[in-house]
């Protein structure tokens, strides 16, 4: 688990995206509205109970720990260096950030987005088979080979703790949980 002093606590929102349908990619928007306990207004993954298609078929009354998907824009640079063309919303994320090492944040981290919205991190997004259908070989690129650090590099998931509008250019401020710090689980 990284030490709190090793993490950048200030970043920014690069893009926002939402989609009413269950599609792999989400179109970018001018802004999105986060609704406490619900997720991104008008997004297919919003709601109090799990909306991920695979999980919802098996256990439809599980709490939705996947209301919001955040991904660091720095991942796109790394993927581009390996021959992949990935842009905001392409991997199904709602919020693309810059300057935050999201996958290394501890469980329970709260990220203040824009003037009022708050998302609490609940886990690492696990890459599924659909990522290779989007671009062949991409899943292998987002699996970490490092001994230390997160096992995946495909963003994080969270729940909305405070309502608010989020747009590109907004600040993203990290509030770490009190000790003990625990690594994000795979979701």
Protein backbone atom coordinates (compact mmCIF):
# COMPACT_ATOMS: atom_id res chain seq x y z
CA UNK A 1 0.00 0.00 0.00
CA UNK A 2 1.51 3.36 -0.96
CA UNK A 3 2.20 5.92 1.71
CA UNK A 4 -0.02 9.00 1.70
CA UNK A 5 2.98 11.25 1.02
CA UNK A 6 3.69 9.30 -2.20
CA UNK A 7 0.36 10.23 -3.81
CA UNK A 8 -0.57 13.39 -5.70
CA UNK A 9 -3.60 14.91 -4.02
CA UNK A 10 -4.40 17.54 -6.67
CA UNK A 11 -5.41 16.89 -10.25
CA UNK A 12 -7.98 17.90 -12.80
CA UNK A 13 -10.85 16.56 -14.86
CA UNK A 14 -9.88 16.15 -18.53
CA UNK A 15 -13.21 14.84 -19.86
CA UNK A 16 -16.59 13.49 -18.78
CA UNK A 17 -18.79 10.89 -20.48
CA UNK A 18 -22.12 9.11 -20.05
CA UNK A 19 -24.35 6.77 -22.02
CA UNK A 20 -27.93 5.63 -21.39
CA UNK A 21 -27.20 2.32 -23.11
CA UNK A 22 -24.89 -0.51 -22.10
CA UNK A 23 -22.16 0.11 -24.66
CA UNK A 24 -18.45 -0.48 -24.19
CA UNK A 25 -17.51 3.16 -24.92
CA UNK A 26 -19.32 6.27 -23.70
CA UNK A 27 -19.62 9.51 -25.69
CA UNK A 28 -18.02 12.54 -24.07
CA UNK A 29 -20.31 15.27 -22.78
CA UNK A 30 -19.94 18.95 -21.90
CA UNK A 31 -20.85 18.07 -18.32
CA UNK A 32 -22.33 15.28 -16.23
CA UNK A 33 -24.41 15.43 -13.08
CA UNK A 34 -23.49 13.17 -10.17
CA UNK A 35 -26.37 12.15 -7.90
CA UNK A 36 -25.64 10.99 -4.35
CA UNK A 37 -26.18 7.24 -3.91
CA UNK A 38 -27.17 6.89 -7.56
CA UNK A 39 -24.28 7.72 -9.92
CA UNK A 40 -24.14 9.68 -13.16
CA UNK A 41 -27.55 11.03 -14.13
CA UNK A 42 -28.71 9.34 -17.34
CA UNK A 43 -25.93 6.71 -17.38
CA UNK A 44 -26.68 2.99 -17.78
CA UNK A 45 -24.59 2.13 -14.70
CA UNK A 46 -26.42 4.51 -12.34
CA UNK A 47 -28.68 3.23 -9.58
CA UNK A 48 -28.56 1.96 -6.00
CA UNK A 49 -28.21 -1.68 -7.07
CA UNK A 50 -25.56 -3.19 -9.34
CA UNK A 51 -26.10 -2.33 -13.01
CA UNK A 52 -23.12 -4.15 -14.53
CA UNK A 53 -24.87 -6.57 -16.92
CA UNK A 54 -23.01 -9.72 -15.85
CA UNK A 55 -23.34 -9.04 -12.12
CA UNK A 56 -26.94 -7.78 -12.32
CA UNK A 57 -28.09 -11.04 -13.93
CA UNK A 58 -26.62 -13.09 -11.10
CA UNK A 59 -27.16 -10.89 -8.03
CA UNK A 60 -29.48 -7.98 -8.91
CA UNK A 61 -29.83 -6.73 -5.33
CA UNK A 62 -26.13 -6.18 -4.63
CA UNK A 63 -25.31 -2.58 -3.72
CA UNK A 64 -23.93 -0.66 -6.68
CA UNK A 65 -20.25 -0.06 -5.91
CA UNK A 66 -19.68 0.78 -9.60
CA UNK A 67 -21.75 3.97 -9.93
CA UNK A 68 -18.87 6.01 -11.39
CA UNK A 69 -15.82 4.88 -13.40
CA UNK A 70 -12.74 7.14 -13.30
CA UNK A 71 -9.62 6.63 -15.39
CA UNK A 72 -6.31 8.51 -15.51
CA UNK A 73 -5.53 10.18 -18.85
CA UNK A 74 -1.91 9.15 -18.34
CA UNK A 75 -3.00 5.59 -19.22
CA UNK A 76 -3.89 6.77 -22.72
CA UNK A 77 -0.35 8.08 -23.23
CA UNK A 78 1.13 4.75 -22.12
CA UNK A 79 -1.23 2.81 -24.40
CA UNK A 80 -0.46 5.12 -27.33
CA UNK A 81 3.26 4.35 -26.88
CA UNK A 82 2.33 0.69 -27.35
CA UNK A 83 0.31 1.27 -30.52
CA UNK A 84 -3.21 1.70 -29.14
CA UNK A 85 -5.41 4.68 -29.95
CA UNK A 86 -7.57 5.33 -26.90
CA UNK A 87 -9.42 8.55 -26.06
CA UNK A 88 -11.72 9.84 -23.35
CA UNK A 89 -14.80 7.65 -22.91
CA UNK A 90 -13.41 4.82 -25.07
CA UNK A 91 -12.93 2.44 -22.12
CA UNK A 92 -16.36 3.21 -20.69
CA UNK A 93 -15.21 5.69 -18.06
CA UNK A 94 -17.37 8.56 -16.85
CA UNK A 95 -14.53 10.80 -15.69
CA UNK A 96 -11.04 11.11 -17.18
CA UNK A 97 -8.54 12.72 -14.80
CA UNK A 98 -5.01 14.09 -15.04
CA UNK A 99 -2.40 14.20 -12.30
CA UNK A 100 -3.89 11.52 -10.05
CA UNK A 101 -2.51 8.00 -9.65
CA UNK A 102 -6.01 6.63 -9.20
CA UNK A 103 -5.19 2.92 -9.05
CA UNK A 104 -2.81 3.51 -6.13
CA UNK A 105 -5.35 5.40 -4.02
CA UNK A 106 -6.54 3.55 -0.91
CA UNK A 107 -10.03 2.18 -0.39
CA UNK A 108 -12.38 4.88 0.86
CA UNK A 109 -10.49 7.76 -0.75
CA UNK A 110 -12.85 10.62 -1.55
CA UNK A 111 -12.31 12.70 -4.66
CA UNK A 112 -13.91 16.12 -4.72
CA UNK A 113 -14.80 17.00 -8.31
CA UNK A 114 -15.69 20.52 -9.37
CA UNK A 115 -17.43 22.79 -6.91
CA UNK A 116 -19.50 20.19 -5.01
CA UNK A 117 -19.45 16.55 -6.24
CA UNK A 118 -17.70 13.84 -4.20
CA UNK A 119 -16.95 10.26 -5.28
CA UNK A 120 -15.71 7.65 -2.79
CA UNK A 121 -13.47 4.97 -4.30
CA UNK A 122 -14.70 1.39 -3.86
CA UNK A 123 -12.39 -0.67 -6.07
CA UNK A 124 -10.28 -1.26 -9.15
CA UNK A 125 -12.07 -1.82 -12.42
CA UNK A 126 -11.21 -5.28 -13.64
CA UNK A 127 -10.73 -5.50 -17.41
CA UNK A 128 -13.08 -7.98 -19.06
CA UNK A 129 -13.03 -9.81 -22.40
CA UNK A 130 -14.84 -6.89 -24.05
CA UNK A 131 -11.67 -4.82 -23.87
CA UNK A 132 -10.02 -7.13 -26.43
CA UNK A 133 -13.10 -6.93 -28.65
CA UNK A 134 -12.67 -3.15 -28.60
CA UNK A 135 -8.98 -3.40 -29.59
CA UNK A 136 -7.18 -6.73 -29.87
CA UNK A 137 -4.37 -7.13 -27.32
CA UNK A 138 -5.54 -4.25 -25.14
CA UNK A 139 -6.40 -6.43 -22.12
CA UNK A 140 -2.80 -7.60 -21.83
CA UNK A 141 -1.66 -3.96 -21.86
CA UNK A 142 -3.83 -3.04 -18.86
CA UNK A 143 -2.75 -6.01 -16.76
CA UNK A 144 0.14 -5.01 -14.53
CA UNK A 145 3.32 -7.02 -14.57
CA UNK A 146 4.79 -5.09 -11.64
CA UNK A 147 5.37 -6.92 -8.37
CA UNK A 148 4.22 -3.88 -6.41
CA UNK A 149 1.18 -1.80 -7.21
CA UNK A 150 -2.26 -2.53 -8.57
CA UNK A 151 -2.91 -5.64 -10.70
CA UNK A 152 -4.88 -3.63 -13.28
CA UNK A 153 -4.46 -0.31 -15.03
CA UNK A 154 -8.01 0.32 -16.22
CA UNK A 155 -9.26 2.87 -13.73
CA UNK A 156 -11.20 2.84 -10.50
CA UNK A 157 -14.83 2.64 -9.47
CA UNK A 158 -16.71 4.58 -6.86
CA UNK A 159 -20.00 5.72 -5.39
CA UNK A 160 -21.34 9.25 -5.32
CA UNK A 161 -21.29 10.76 -1.81
CA UNK A 162 -22.31 14.32 -2.76
CA UNK A 163 -24.30 15.72 -5.69
CA UNK A 164 -22.72 18.02 -8.22
CA UNK A 165 -22.00 18.91 -11.81
CA UNK A 166 -18.61 17.87 -13.24
CA UNK A 167 -17.02 19.20 -16.44
CA UNK A 168 -13.64 19.16 -18.17
CA UNK A 169 -11.30 21.66 -16.54
CA UNK A 170 -12.72 21.14 -13.03
CA UNK A 171 -10.39 20.50 -10.12
CA UNK A 172 -10.06 16.98 -8.70
CA UNK A 173 -8.96 17.04 -5.04
CA UNK A 174 -8.14 13.89 -3.10
CA UNK A 175 -9.13 13.35 0.54
CA UNK A 176 -7.47 10.23 1.91
CA UNK A 177 -9.26 8.09 4.50
CA UNK A 178 -7.97 7.93 8.04
CA UNK A 179 -5.67 4.99 8.84
CA UNK A 180 -5.29 2.15 8.28
CA UNK A 181 -4.96 2.51 4.52
CA UNK A 182 -6.13 -0.53 2.54
CA UNK A 183 -5.58 -1.25 -1.15
CA UNK A 184 -8.53 -1.03 -3.52
CA UNK A 185 -10.06 -4.47 -4.16
CA UNK A 186 -10.82 -5.71 -7.67
CA UNK A 187 -14.48 -5.18 -8.62
